[in-house]
Amino acid sequence: MDLQQAQDLCNQAFSAYENKDFDLAISLLSQIERSSDEVKEIYAEAQYNLGIVFKELKRYEEAEQAYKNVQREDSLEQYVRAQNNLGNLLSDLKRFDEAERVYKNVSREDSLEQYARAQFNLGVLLKQQQRFEEA
């Protein structure tokens, strides 16, 4: 798959998602593979978006896996966003230790905005656990 094909699938999936055709969006996004260096950023975006769709459908295991498929070397931007969403998902599932580790994967050097979000989310998580000093 070349870059243009991957982008076309991503665009079609976005339209399907907007039309609430989630099955089609999943099918299209799932076709995008990490086949080459030029496609890896689109792959990361597709996996991030799959995570969003799966979470919306309450298909939590699939959402978790999609977020975990986004690697730092594929796309730093998508990686830090996926880490925040994964942390939120794990927190919602009461898997607090895992959520804490995931939030800590986002560094200040990665993205100031996403780092701030991860730190905020971590603070909320720690407060919920009554770990006030750490929060």
N, C-alpha and C. Protein backbone atom coordinates (compact mmCIF):
# COMPACT_ATOMS: atom_id res chain seq x y z
N MET A 1 0.85 -1.18 0.00
CA MET A 1 0.00 0.00 0.00
C MET A 1 0.89 1.24 0.00
N ASP A 2 0.58 2.17 -0.89
CA ASP A 2 1.37 3.40 -0.92
C ASP A 2 0.68 4.49 -0.10
N LEU A 3 1.35 5.60 0.04
CA LEU A 3 0.89 6.70 0.88
C LEU A 3 -0.48 7.21 0.43
N GLN A 4 -0.67 7.37 -0.88
CA GLN A 4 -1.94 7.91 -1.39
C GLN A 4 -3.11 6.96 -1.07
N GLN A 5 -2.89 5.67 -1.25
CA GLN A 5 -3.94 4.69 -0.94
C GLN A 5 -4.30 4.75 0.56
N ALA A 6 -3.29 4.85 1.40
CA ALA A 6 -3.52 4.92 2.85
C ALA A 6 -4.30 6.18 3.22
N GLN A 7 -3.92 7.31 2.62
CA GLN A 7 -4.62 8.56 2.89
C GLN A 7 -6.07 8.49 2.41
N ASP A 8 -6.28 7.90 1.25
CA ASP A 8 -7.64 7.76 0.72
C ASP A 8 -8.50 6.92 1.66
N LEU A 9 -7.96 5.81 2.16
CA LEU A 9 -8.70 4.97 3.10
C LEU A 9 -9.03 5.73 4.38
N CYS A 10 -8.06 6.50 4.84
CA CYS A 10 -8.27 7.30 6.06
C CYS A 10 -9.38 8.33 5.85
N ASN A 11 -9.36 9.00 4.72
CA ASN A 11 -10.39 9.99 4.41
C ASN A 11 -11.77 9.36 4.28
N GLN A 12 -11.83 8.21 3.63
CA GLN A 12 -13.10 7.50 3.50
C GLN A 12 -13.62 7.06 4.88
N ALA A 13 -12.69 6.62 5.72
CA ALA A 13 -13.08 6.18 7.07
C ALA A 13 -13.62 7.36 7.88
N PHE A 14 -13.00 8.52 7.72
CA PHE A 14 -13.47 9.71 8.42
C PHE A 14 -14.90 10.06 8.00
N SER A 15 -15.16 9.98 6.71
CA SER A 15 -16.52 10.24 6.21
C SER A 15 -17.50 9.21 6.74
N ALA A 16 -17.10 7.96 6.76
CA ALA A 16 -17.97 6.91 7.29
C ALA A 16 -18.26 7.16 8.77
N TYR A 17 -17.24 7.55 9.51
CA TYR A 17 -17.42 7.84 10.94
C TYR A 17 -18.40 9.00 11.14
N GLU A 18 -18.22 10.05 10.35
CA GLU A 18 -19.13 11.20 10.45
C GLU A 18 -20.56 10.81 10.15
N ASN A 19 -20.75 9.83 9.26
CA ASN A 19 -22.08 9.34 8.91
C ASN A 19 -22.55 8.23 9.85
N LYS A 20 -21.78 8.03 10.91
CA LYS A 20 -22.09 7.01 11.93
C LYS A 20 -22.14 5.59 11.37
N ASP A 21 -21.41 5.36 10.28
CA ASP A 21 -21.26 4.02 9.73
C ASP A 21 -19.96 3.45 10.31
N PHE A 22 -20.05 3.05 11.58
CA PHE A 22 -18.87 2.64 12.32
C PHE A 22 -18.25 1.36 11.77
N ASP A 23 -19.07 0.45 11.31
CA ASP A 23 -18.53 -0.79 10.75
C ASP A 23 -17.67 -0.51 9.52
N LEU A 24 -18.14 0.39 8.67
CA LEU A 24 -17.36 0.75 7.49
C LEU A 24 -16.07 1.47 7.90
N ALA A 25 -16.17 2.38 8.85
CA ALA A 25 -14.98 3.09 9.32
C ALA A 25 -13.94 2.10 9.84
N ILE A 26 -14.39 1.13 10.63
CA ILE A 26 -13.47 0.12 11.17
C ILE A 26 -12.85 -0.69 10.04
N SER A 27 -13.67 -1.09 9.09
CA SER A 27 -13.17 -1.88 7.96
C SER A 27 -12.10 -1.11 7.17
N LEU A 28 -12.36 0.15 6.90
CA LEU A 28 -11.41 0.96 6.12
C LEU A 28 -10.12 1.20 6.89
N LEU A 29 -10.24 1.59 8.17
CA LEU A 29 -9.05 1.87 8.97
C LEU A 29 -8.21 0.61 9.18
N SER A 30 -8.87 -0.52 9.28
CA SER A 30 -8.16 -1.79 9.52
C SER A 30 -7.35 -2.23 8.30
N GLN A 31 -7.64 -1.68 7.15
CA GLN A 31 -6.90 -2.05 5.93
C GLN A 31 -5.54 -1.36 5.86
N ILE A 32 -5.35 -0.31 6.65
CA ILE A 32 -4.10 0.46 6.59
C ILE A 32 -3.06 -0.25 7.45
N GLU A 33 -1.99 -0.66 6.80
CA GLU A 33 -0.92 -1.39 7.47
C GLU A 33 0.35 -0.57 7.52
N ARG A 34 1.18 -0.90 8.48
CA ARG A 34 2.49 -0.26 8.61
C ARG A 34 3.42 -0.95 7.61
N SER A 35 3.22 -0.66 6.33
CA SER A 35 3.92 -1.39 5.27
C SER A 35 5.25 -0.76 4.87
N SER A 36 5.41 0.52 5.17
CA SER A 36 6.65 1.20 4.81
C SER A 36 6.80 2.45 5.67
N ASP A 37 7.98 3.03 5.62
CA ASP A 37 8.22 4.25 6.41
C ASP A 37 7.31 5.39 5.99
N GLU A 38 6.99 5.46 4.69
CA GLU A 38 6.15 6.57 4.23
C GLU A 38 4.70 6.43 4.71
N VAL A 39 4.27 5.23 5.05
CA VAL A 39 2.88 4.99 5.43
C VAL A 39 2.71 4.93 6.95
N LYS A 40 3.81 4.84 7.69
CA LYS A 40 3.69 4.59 9.13
C LYS A 40 2.94 5.69 9.88
N GLU A 41 3.03 6.93 9.44
CA GLU A 41 2.31 8.00 10.11
C GLU A 41 0.79 7.86 9.89
N ILE A 42 0.40 7.50 8.69
CA ILE A 42 -1.02 7.27 8.41
C ILE A 42 -1.51 6.05 9.18
N TYR A 43 -0.67 5.02 9.27
CA TYR A 43 -1.01 3.83 10.07
C TYR A 43 -1.27 4.24 11.52
N ALA A 44 -0.40 5.07 12.07
CA ALA A 44 -0.56 5.50 13.46
C ALA A 44 -1.87 6.27 13.63
N GLU A 45 -2.18 7.13 12.68
CA GLU A 45 -3.43 7.88 12.73
C GLU A 45 -4.64 6.94 12.64
N ALA A 46 -4.53 5.92 11.77
CA ALA A 46 -5.62 4.96 11.63
C ALA A 46 -5.83 4.18 12.92
N GLN A 47 -4.76 3.76 13.55
CA GLN A 47 -4.89 3.01 14.80
C GLN A 47 -5.47 3.88 15.91
N TYR A 48 -5.02 5.13 15.98
CA TYR A 48 -5.56 6.07 16.96
C TYR A 48 -7.07 6.22 16.76
N ASN A 49 -7.47 6.41 15.51
CA ASN A 49 -8.90 6.58 15.22
C ASN A 49 -9.69 5.30 15.46
N LEU A 50 -9.08 4.15 15.19
CA LEU A 50 -9.74 2.88 15.52
C LEU A 50 -10.01 2.81 17.03
N GLY A 51 -9.04 3.24 17.81
CA GLY A 51 -9.23 3.26 19.26
C GLY A 51 -10.43 4.09 19.66
N ILE A 52 -10.58 5.24 19.03
CA ILE A 52 -11.72 6.11 19.33
C ILE A 52 -13.04 5.43 18.96
N VAL A 53 -13.09 4.84 17.77
CA VAL A 53 -14.32 4.18 17.32
C VAL A 53 -14.65 3.00 18.23
N PHE A 54 -13.66 2.17 18.52
CA PHE A 54 -13.92 1.01 19.38
C PHE A 54 -14.38 1.43 20.77
N LYS A 55 -13.78 2.48 21.31
CA LYS A 55 -14.21 2.93 22.64
C LYS A 55 -15.66 3.42 22.60
N GLU A 56 -15.99 4.16 21.55
CA GLU A 56 -17.36 4.65 21.41
C GLU A 56 -18.36 3.49 21.34
N LEU A 57 -17.92 2.38 20.73
CA LEU A 57 -18.78 1.20 20.61
C LEU A 57 -18.69 0.30 21.84
N LYS A 58 -17.94 0.75 22.85
CA LYS A 58 -17.73 -0.02 24.09
C LYS A 58 -17.01 -1.35 23.83
N ARG A 59 -16.20 -1.37 22.80
CA ARG A 59 -15.37 -2.54 22.48
C ARG A 59 -13.98 -2.24 23.03
N TYR A 60 -13.90 -2.31 24.37
CA TYR A 60 -12.75 -1.79 25.10
C TYR A 60 -11.45 -2.53 24.83
N GLU A 61 -11.49 -3.84 24.71
CA GLU A 61 -10.25 -4.59 24.45
C GLU A 61 -9.66 -4.20 23.09
N GLU A 62 -10.53 -4.03 22.11
CA GLU A 62 -10.06 -3.64 20.78
C GLU A 62 -9.55 -2.20 20.78
N ALA A 63 -10.20 -1.34 21.55
CA ALA A 63 -9.73 0.05 21.67
C ALA A 63 -8.35 0.07 22.31
N GLU A 64 -8.19 -0.70 23.37
CA GLU A 64 -6.90 -0.77 24.05
C GLU A 64 -5.80 -1.22 23.09
N GLN A 65 -6.07 -2.27 22.34
CA GLN A 65 -5.07 -2.78 21.41
C GLN A 65 -4.75 -1.76 20.32
N ALA A 66 -5.76 -1.09 19.80
CA ALA A 66 -5.51 -0.08 18.76
C ALA A 66 -4.61 1.03 19.29
N TYR A 67 -4.90 1.52 20.49
CA TYR A 67 -4.04 2.56 21.07
C TYR A 67 -2.62 2.05 21.28
N LYS A 68 -2.49 0.81 21.71
CA LYS A 68 -1.16 0.24 21.94
C LYS A 68 -0.40 0.03 20.63
N ASN A 69 -1.10 -0.09 19.52
CA ASN A 69 -0.45 -0.27 18.23
C ASN A 69 0.27 0.99 17.75
N VAL A 70 -0.07 2.13 18.31
CA VAL A 70 0.56 3.39 17.91
C VAL A 70 1.92 3.50 18.60
N GLN A 71 2.96 3.48 17.81
CA GLN A 71 4.32 3.52 18.34
C GLN A 71 4.93 4.91 18.18
N ARG A 72 5.77 5.25 19.13
CA ARG A 72 6.45 6.55 19.12
C ARG A 72 7.15 6.81 17.79
N GLU A 73 7.80 5.78 17.23
CA GLU A 73 8.57 5.98 15.99
C GLU A 73 7.68 6.11 14.76
N ASP A 74 6.41 5.74 14.89
CA ASP A 74 5.48 5.92 13.76
C ASP A 74 5.06 7.37 13.62
N SER A 75 4.65 7.95 14.74
CA SER A 75 4.21 9.34 14.77
C SER A 75 4.17 9.79 16.22
N LEU A 76 5.04 10.69 16.56
CA LEU A 76 5.09 11.17 17.95
C LEU A 76 3.78 11.80 18.36
N GLU A 77 3.18 12.59 17.47
CA GLU A 77 1.92 13.26 17.77
C GLU A 77 0.81 12.25 18.07
N GLN A 78 0.67 11.25 17.21
CA GLN A 78 -0.38 10.24 17.43
C GLN A 78 -0.06 9.39 18.65
N TYR A 79 1.21 9.12 18.89
CA TYR A 79 1.62 8.31 20.04
C TYR A 79 1.19 8.96 21.36
N VAL A 80 1.50 10.24 21.52
CA VAL A 80 1.18 10.88 22.80
C VAL A 80 -0.33 11.03 22.97
N ARG A 81 -1.04 11.26 21.89
CA ARG A 81 -2.51 11.32 21.97
C ARG A 81 -3.08 9.94 22.32
N ALA A 82 -2.53 8.90 21.70
CA ALA A 82 -2.98 7.54 22.00
C ALA A 82 -2.68 7.16 23.45
N GLN A 83 -1.54 7.60 23.95
CA GLN A 83 -1.19 7.29 25.35
C GLN A 83 -2.19 7.94 26.30
N ASN A 84 -2.56 9.17 26.03
CA ASN A 84 -3.55 9.83 26.88
C ASN A 84 -4.90 9.13 26.81
N ASN A 85 -5.33 8.77 25.60
CA ASN A 85 -6.61 8.07 25.46
C ASN A 85 -6.56 6.69 26.10
N LEU A 86 -5.42 6.01 25.96
CA LEU A 86 -5.26 4.70 26.59
C LEU A 86 -5.31 4.83 28.10
N GLY A 87 -4.63 5.82 28.64
CA GLY A 87 -4.67 6.06 30.08
C GLY A 87 -6.09 6.31 30.57
N ASN A 88 -6.84 7.11 29.82
CA ASN A 88 -8.24 7.38 30.19
C ASN A 88 -9.07 6.11 30.14
N LEU A 89 -8.87 5.30 29.11
CA LEU A 89 -9.60 4.05 28.99
C LEU A 89 -9.29 3.12 30.16
N LEU A 90 -8.02 2.96 30.46
CA LEU A 90 -7.62 2.08 31.56
C LEU A 90 -8.16 2.59 32.89
N SER A 91 -8.16 3.89 33.06
CA SER A 91 -8.72 4.48 34.28
C SER A 91 -10.21 4.19 34.38
N ASP A 92 -10.93 4.36 33.28
CA ASP A 92 -12.37 4.05 33.25
C ASP A 92 -12.63 2.59 33.60
N LEU A 93 -11.70 1.73 33.21
CA LEU A 93 -11.83 0.29 33.48
C LEU A 93 -11.29 -0.08 34.86
N LYS A 94 -10.92 0.94 35.65
CA LYS A 94 -10.42 0.75 37.02
C LYS A 94 -9.08 0.01 37.05
N ARG A 95 -8.31 0.13 35.99
CA ARG A 95 -6.97 -0.46 35.93
C ARG A 95 -5.97 0.67 36.19
N PHE A 96 -6.00 1.13 37.43
CA PHE A 96 -5.33 2.37 37.81
C PHE A 96 -3.80 2.30 37.68
N ASP A 97 -3.18 1.20 38.08
CA ASP A 97 -1.73 1.10 37.99
C ASP A 97 -1.26 1.19 36.55
N GLU A 98 -1.98 0.52 35.66
CA GLU A 98 -1.63 0.57 34.24
C GLU A 98 -1.84 1.98 33.69
N ALA A 99 -2.94 2.61 34.06
CA ALA A 99 -3.22 3.97 33.60
C ALA A 99 -2.11 4.91 34.04
N GLU A 100 -1.69 4.78 35.29
CA GLU A 100 -0.61 5.64 35.80
C GLU A 100 0.66 5.48 34.98
N ARG A 101 1.04 4.24 34.67
CA ARG A 101 2.24 3.99 33.87
C ARG A 101 2.11 4.61 32.47
N VAL A 102 0.93 4.50 31.89
CA VAL A 102 0.71 5.01 30.54
C VAL A 102 0.81 6.54 30.52
N TYR A 103 0.19 7.20 31.48
CA TYR A 103 0.29 8.67 31.54
C TYR A 103 1.74 9.11 31.66
N LYS A 104 2.53 8.34 32.38
CA LYS A 104 3.94 8.70 32.58
C LYS A 104 4.78 8.45 31.33
N ASN A 105 4.22 7.80 30.32
CA ASN A 105 4.94 7.59 29.06
C ASN A 105 5.07 8.88 28.25
N VAL A 106 4.25 9.87 28.55
CA VAL A 106 4.26 11.13 27.81
C VAL A 106 5.21 12.09 28.52
N SER A 107 6.22 12.54 27.80
CA SER A 107 7.19 13.45 28.40
C SER A 107 6.98 14.88 27.89
N ARG A 108 7.55 15.80 28.61
CA ARG A 108 7.48 17.22 28.25
C ARG A 108 8.08 17.44 26.86
N GLU A 109 9.13 16.69 26.53
CA GLU A 109 9.80 16.84 25.24
C GLU A 109 8.95 16.32 24.08
N ASP A 110 8.04 15.40 24.37
CA ASP A 110 7.17 14.85 23.33
C ASP A 110 6.22 15.92 22.80
N SER A 111 5.52 16.56 23.72
CA SER A 111 4.52 17.57 23.37
C SER A 111 4.11 18.27 24.64
N LEU A 112 4.30 19.57 24.70
CA LEU A 112 3.93 20.29 25.92
C LEU A 112 2.44 20.17 26.20
N GLU A 113 1.61 20.27 25.15
CA GLU A 113 0.16 20.18 25.33
C GLU A 113 -0.25 18.80 25.84
N GLN A 114 0.26 17.75 25.19
CA GLN A 114 -0.12 16.40 25.60
C GLN A 114 0.50 16.02 26.95
N TYR A 115 1.67 16.55 27.23
CA TYR A 115 2.29 16.33 28.54
C TYR A 115 1.41 16.94 29.63
N ALA A 116 0.94 18.16 29.38
CA ALA A 116 0.06 18.82 30.35
C ALA A 116 -1.21 18.01 30.56
N ARG A 117 -1.77 17.49 29.50
CA ARG A 117 -2.98 16.65 29.62
C ARG A 117 -2.69 15.38 30.41
N ALA A 118 -1.57 14.75 30.10
CA ALA A 118 -1.21 13.52 30.80
C ALA A 118 -1.00 13.80 32.29
N GLN A 119 -0.35 14.92 32.60
CA GLN A 119 -0.12 15.26 34.00
C GLN A 119 -1.44 15.59 34.71
N PHE A 120 -2.32 16.28 34.03
CA PHE A 120 -3.64 16.57 34.60
C PHE A 120 -4.39 15.26 34.87
N ASN A 121 -4.42 14.39 33.85
CA ASN A 121 -5.11 13.10 34.00
C ASN A 121 -4.49 12.28 35.13
N LEU A 122 -3.18 12.31 35.22
CA LEU A 122 -2.49 11.60 36.30
C LEU A 122 -2.88 12.17 37.66
N GLY A 123 -2.95 13.49 37.75
CA GLY A 123 -3.37 14.13 38.99
C GLY A 123 -4.78 13.73 39.40
N VAL A 124 -5.69 13.68 38.45
CA VAL A 124 -7.06 13.25 38.73
C VAL A 124 -7.07 11.80 39.20
N LEU A 125 -6.31 10.96 38.53
CA LEU A 125 -6.23 9.55 38.90
C LEU A 125 -5.70 9.38 40.31
N LEU A 126 -4.64 10.08 40.64
CA LEU A 126 -4.05 9.98 41.98
C LEU A 126 -5.00 10.52 43.04
N LYS A 127 -5.72 11.59 42.72
CA LYS A 127 -6.71 12.13 43.66
C LYS A 127 -7.81 11.12 43.93
N GLN A 128 -8.28 10.44 42.87
CA GLN A 128 -9.32 9.43 43.04
C GLN A 128 -8.87 8.30 43.97
N GLN A 129 -7.57 8.06 43.96
CA GLN A 129 -7.01 7.01 44.82
C GLN A 129 -6.60 7.56 46.20
N GLN A 130 -6.93 8.81 46.44
CA GLN A 130 -6.62 9.51 47.69
C GLN A 130 -5.09 9.57 47.93
N ARG A 131 -4.35 9.69 46.86
CA ARG A 131 -2.90 9.87 46.93
C ARG A 131 -2.64 11.36 46.72
N PHE A 132 -3.12 12.14 47.68
CA PHE A 132 -3.19 13.59 47.52
C PHE A 132 -1.82 14.25 47.36
N GLU A 133 -0.86 13.81 48.12
CA GLU A 133 0.46 14.43 48.04
C GLU A 133 1.07 14.25 46.64
N GLU A 134 0.94 13.06 46.08
CA GLU A 134 1.45 12.81 44.73
C GLU A 134 0.66 13.59 43.68
N ALA A 135 -0.65 13.69 43.91
CA ALA A 135 -1.51 14.41 42.96
C ALA A 135 -1.09 15.87 42.92
